[in-house]
C-alpha cells in the first residue's frame, strides 16, 4: 500500500526567537497510506489545525518536508502548491463555507470548472455526489435553504468534486448537534469508503474516531498511536 501523504520531521513554532515563542510541533512524522482513514485526536490548542494546514499546503513548516502522491512539495512555489491543493487535496472544515449566492450543485460545479472540467461533466459529477449523500432533491437549493447537516453534506461533496487523493477534515461535524453529527459523519465515511479515498480527520469525539482505521493522538508536539 503506497503512501498518499508523508510528513517527515515537521516542526512549527510561532513567535520564533521571541520571549513568547510557542512550539507547536516538534519534528513529528506522519504517513497516510492509500485508502486509509486516520483519526487525529488532540486537546484544544495542541496543534491539530496547524498540522492539517501544513499537510494541506496551506502553511509551511519551520523544518521537515511534505510529500503528496510521491512529490515533495515543501519548498514548491505558490502556483504549484495551489495546483496541488486543487488537484490532489480535499478540505472540510467545522463550518461549511459554502458560497451563499450559489446552489448546492453550483458549489460543487465551480471547483471542477476551476480545475479545467467541462460544464456537462461537472454537472454530472455534482449530481452523482449529491445523490450519494441523499440530496438529489436539494440540488437547486441555496445554502440558506438547507439544514446544517445538509450544508455539511454539500461541503463533503465539494471537497470530493475534483477526485482528490487525500481528504483533510478539521472537526467536520463539530458544529452539529450530536444526533446530526453521527448521521452526517456516517455519510462522510460512506463517501470515503466508496471512493477509496485516504483521509486525515481531526476530531475530539472518540466514538467517531473509533470508526476510522487508525487513531493518532497529538500531544506536546508529538504523535502517538491509539
Protein backbone atom coordinates (compact mmCIF):
# COMPACT_ATOMS: atom_id res chain seq x y z
CA UNK A 1 0.00 0.00 0.00
CA UNK A 2 1.62 3.25 -1.17
CA UNK A 3 1.61 6.37 0.97
CA UNK A 4 -0.52 9.28 -0.21
CA UNK A 5 0.89 11.64 2.44
CA UNK A 6 4.33 11.64 4.05
CA UNK A 7 5.26 14.27 6.61
CA UNK A 8 8.82 13.95 7.91
CA UNK A 9 10.38 15.88 10.78
CA UNK A 10 7.63 18.51 10.85
CA UNK A 11 8.42 21.31 13.28
CA UNK A 12 6.47 24.52 13.78
CA UNK A 13 6.74 27.38 16.25
CA UNK A 14 5.05 30.74 16.48
CA UNK A 15 6.75 33.99 17.54
CA UNK A 16 10.10 32.37 16.78
CA UNK A 17 13.06 33.92 18.54
CA UNK A 18 10.86 35.95 20.87
CA UNK A 19 10.33 35.54 24.62
CA UNK A 20 6.76 34.37 23.98
CA UNK A 21 7.76 31.73 21.39
CA UNK A 22 5.32 28.80 21.30
CA UNK A 23 6.48 25.46 19.93
CA UNK A 24 3.54 23.57 18.49
CA UNK A 25 5.04 20.66 16.52
CA UNK A 26 8.33 19.04 17.47
CA UNK A 27 9.74 17.21 14.49
CA UNK A 28 6.89 14.74 14.10
CA UNK A 29 6.46 12.12 11.38
CA UNK A 30 3.17 11.14 9.77
CA UNK A 31 2.25 8.83 6.89
CA UNK A 32 -1.19 8.17 5.43
CA UNK A 33 -1.32 5.06 3.21
CA UNK A 34 -3.62 4.90 0.22
CA UNK A 35 -7.18 4.08 1.27
CA UNK A 36 -6.59 4.57 5.00
CA UNK A 37 -8.83 6.78 7.14
CA UNK A 38 -6.89 8.18 10.10
CA UNK A 39 -8.34 10.00 13.09
CA UNK A 40 -6.30 12.83 14.59
CA UNK A 41 -7.26 13.37 18.22
CA UNK A 42 -5.89 16.25 20.25
CA UNK A 43 -6.90 18.60 23.05
CA UNK A 44 -7.75 22.16 22.14
CA UNK A 45 -4.66 24.18 21.28
CA UNK A 46 -2.43 21.13 20.74
CA UNK A 47 -1.78 22.00 17.11
CA UNK A 48 -4.05 19.71 15.11
CA UNK A 49 -5.21 22.54 12.85
CA UNK A 50 -1.59 23.59 12.34
CA UNK A 51 -0.67 20.05 11.32
CA UNK A 52 -3.63 19.86 8.92
CA UNK A 53 -2.70 23.20 7.38
CA UNK A 54 0.88 22.05 6.84
CA UNK A 55 -0.24 18.71 5.39
CA UNK A 56 -2.67 20.61 3.16
CA UNK A 57 -0.01 23.05 1.89
CA UNK A 58 -1.79 26.00 3.50
CA UNK A 59 1.15 26.63 5.83
CA UNK A 60 4.86 25.82 5.74
CA UNK A 61 6.82 24.05 8.50
CA UNK A 62 9.93 25.53 10.09
CA UNK A 63 11.61 22.19 9.41
CA UNK A 64 10.71 18.93 7.70
CA UNK A 65 9.08 18.04 4.40
CA UNK A 66 5.64 17.26 3.00
CA UNK A 67 5.29 14.67 0.22
CA UNK A 68 1.94 14.15 -1.53
CA UNK A 69 1.49 11.35 -4.06
CA UNK A 70 5.25 10.90 -4.15
CA UNK A 71 6.03 14.56 -4.86
CA UNK A 72 7.94 16.69 -2.36
CA UNK A 73 6.01 19.96 -2.24
CA UNK A 74 7.62 21.52 0.83
CA UNK A 75 9.53 24.24 -0.99
CA UNK A 76 7.30 24.47 -4.04
CA UNK A 77 6.29 27.87 -5.36
CA UNK A 78 2.83 29.23 -4.64
CA UNK A 79 1.44 28.32 -8.06
CA UNK A 80 2.49 24.70 -7.76
CA UNK A 81 1.16 24.45 -4.21
CA UNK A 82 -2.16 25.95 -5.31
CA UNK A 83 -2.41 23.47 -8.18
CA UNK A 84 -1.64 20.57 -5.84
CA UNK A 85 -4.33 21.71 -3.39
CA UNK A 86 -6.86 21.96 -6.22
CA UNK A 87 -5.99 18.61 -7.84
CA UNK A 88 -4.83 16.35 -5.01
CA UNK A 89 -6.47 17.59 -1.81
CA UNK A 90 -9.99 17.99 -0.48
CA UNK A 91 -10.75 20.11 2.57
CA UNK A 92 -13.66 20.02 5.01
CA UNK A 93 -13.91 22.37 7.96
CA UNK A 94 -16.12 22.65 11.02
CA UNK A 95 -18.13 25.35 9.22
CA UNK A 96 -19.25 24.56 5.68
CA UNK A 97 -18.06 27.80 4.00
CA UNK A 98 -20.42 27.29 1.06
CA UNK A 99 -20.88 30.20 -1.35
CA UNK A 100 -24.28 31.60 -0.31
CA UNK A 101 -25.28 33.01 -3.70
CA UNK A 102 -24.92 29.65 -5.47
CA UNK A 103 -27.00 26.47 -5.28
CA UNK A 104 -25.79 23.22 -3.74
CA UNK A 105 -24.96 21.85 -7.19
CA UNK A 106 -23.19 25.05 -8.25
CA UNK A 107 -21.00 24.93 -5.14
CA UNK A 108 -19.74 21.55 -6.39
CA UNK A 109 -19.58 22.50 -10.06
CA UNK A 110 -17.44 25.62 -9.61
CA UNK A 111 -14.30 23.90 -8.23
CA UNK A 112 -14.41 21.49 -11.15
CA UNK A 113 -14.63 24.30 -13.70
CA UNK A 114 -11.67 25.97 -12.00
CA UNK A 115 -9.78 22.71 -12.44
CA UNK A 116 -10.50 22.57 -16.16
CA UNK A 117 -13.53 20.27 -16.29
CA UNK A 118 -16.21 20.79 -18.91
CA UNK A 119 -19.60 22.09 -17.77
CA UNK A 120 -21.53 18.91 -18.62
CA UNK A 121 -19.05 16.66 -16.82
CA UNK A 122 -19.01 18.98 -13.79
CA UNK A 123 -22.81 18.95 -13.61
CA UNK A 124 -22.90 15.16 -13.87
CA UNK A 125 -20.29 14.81 -11.13
CA UNK A 126 -22.20 17.18 -8.84
CA UNK A 127 -25.45 15.28 -9.41
CA UNK A 128 -23.73 11.96 -8.70
CA UNK A 129 -22.13 13.16 -5.47
CA UNK A 130 -25.30 14.82 -4.18
CA UNK A 131 -27.21 11.65 -4.97
CA UNK A 132 -24.77 9.60 -2.91
CA UNK A 133 -25.43 11.76 0.15
CA UNK A 134 -29.20 11.82 -0.31
CA UNK A 135 -29.54 15.37 -1.58
CA UNK A 136 -30.73 14.89 -5.15
CA UNK A 137 -33.91 16.77 -4.34
CA UNK A 138 -31.97 19.69 -2.87
CA UNK A 139 -29.55 20.33 -5.74
CA UNK A 140 -31.04 23.68 -6.70
CA UNK A 141 -31.39 24.99 -3.14
CA UNK A 142 -29.06 27.67 -1.86
CA UNK A 143 -27.24 27.05 1.44
CA UNK A 144 -29.67 29.26 3.37
CA UNK A 145 -32.49 26.86 2.45
CA UNK A 146 -30.59 23.82 3.74
CA UNK A 147 -30.26 22.49 7.28
CA UNK A 148 -26.88 22.46 9.00
CA UNK A 149 -26.44 18.77 8.29
CA UNK A 150 -27.40 19.23 4.65
CA UNK A 151 -24.97 22.11 4.25
CA UNK A 152 -22.14 20.00 5.62
CA UNK A 153 -23.03 17.14 3.29
CA UNK A 154 -22.75 19.56 0.37
CA UNK A 155 -19.37 20.63 1.75
CA UNK A 156 -18.27 16.99 1.72
CA UNK A 157 -19.32 16.68 -1.92
CA UNK A 158 -17.46 19.86 -2.80
CA UNK A 159 -14.30 18.50 -1.16
CA UNK A 160 -14.54 15.40 -3.34
CA UNK A 161 -15.50 17.25 -6.53
CA UNK A 162 -12.08 17.01 -8.16
CA UNK A 163 -11.46 13.40 -7.06
CA UNK A 164 -8.58 14.22 -4.68
CA UNK A 165 -6.03 11.73 -3.40
CA UNK A 166 -6.38 12.91 0.19
CA UNK A 167 -9.18 14.38 2.28
CA UNK A 168 -8.25 16.64 5.20
CA UNK A 169 -11.06 17.38 7.63
CA UNK A 170 -10.90 19.58 10.73
CA UNK A 171 -13.73 18.74 13.17
CA UNK A 172 -16.11 18.23 10.21
CA UNK A 173 -19.16 17.63 12.39
CA UNK A 174 -18.14 19.79 15.34
CA UNK A 175 -20.76 22.44 14.60
CA UNK A 176 -23.68 19.99 14.60
CA UNK A 177 -25.82 18.56 17.39
CA UNK A 178 -24.85 15.01 18.49
CA UNK A 179 -27.58 13.16 16.60
CA UNK A 180 -27.00 15.07 13.36
CA UNK A 181 -23.24 14.74 13.83
CA UNK A 182 -23.43 10.95 13.91
CA UNK A 183 -25.64 10.82 10.82
CA UNK A 184 -23.53 13.25 8.82
CA UNK A 185 -20.29 11.55 9.83
CA UNK A 186 -21.64 8.21 8.65
CA UNK A 187 -22.44 9.85 5.30
CA UNK A 188 -18.88 11.17 5.09
CA UNK A 189 -17.42 7.76 5.89
CA UNK A 190 -19.66 6.17 3.27
CA UNK A 191 -18.37 8.60 0.64
CA UNK A 192 -14.77 7.99 1.65
CA UNK A 193 -15.14 4.21 1.58
CA UNK A 194 -16.97 4.21 -1.76
CA UNK A 195 -14.25 6.25 -3.44
CA UNK A 196 -11.27 4.52 -1.76
CA UNK A 197 -10.10 7.91 -0.55
CA UNK A 198 -7.34 8.44 2.00
CA UNK A 199 -8.29 10.77 4.83
CA UNK A 200 -6.91 12.54 7.89
CA UNK A 201 -9.81 13.64 10.08
CA UNK A 202 -9.34 15.70 13.22
CA UNK A 203 -11.97 15.11 15.89
CA UNK A 204 -12.37 15.31 19.64
CA UNK A 205 -15.14 12.69 19.51
CA UNK A 206 -13.67 9.31 20.44
CA UNK A 207 -16.77 7.45 19.23
CA UNK A 208 -16.25 8.89 15.77
CA UNK A 209 -12.50 8.24 15.94
CA UNK A 210 -13.18 4.58 16.71
CA UNK A 211 -14.98 4.24 13.35
CA UNK A 212 -11.76 5.01 11.49
CA UNK A 213 -8.89 2.69 10.57
CA UNK A 214 -6.32 4.26 12.86
CA UNK A 215 -6.19 6.77 15.70
CA UNK A 216 -3.28 9.16 16.26
CA UNK A 217 -3.01 11.41 19.30
CA UNK A 218 -1.25 14.76 19.12
CA UNK A 219 0.10 15.94 22.46
CA UNK A 220 3.10 18.07 23.39
CA UNK A 221 4.04 18.44 19.74
CA UNK A 222 4.35 14.69 19.07
CA UNK A 223 2.14 11.93 17.64
CA UNK A 224 1.39 8.63 19.33
CA UNK A 225 -0.72 5.68 18.18
CA UNK A 226 -4.04 4.79 19.81
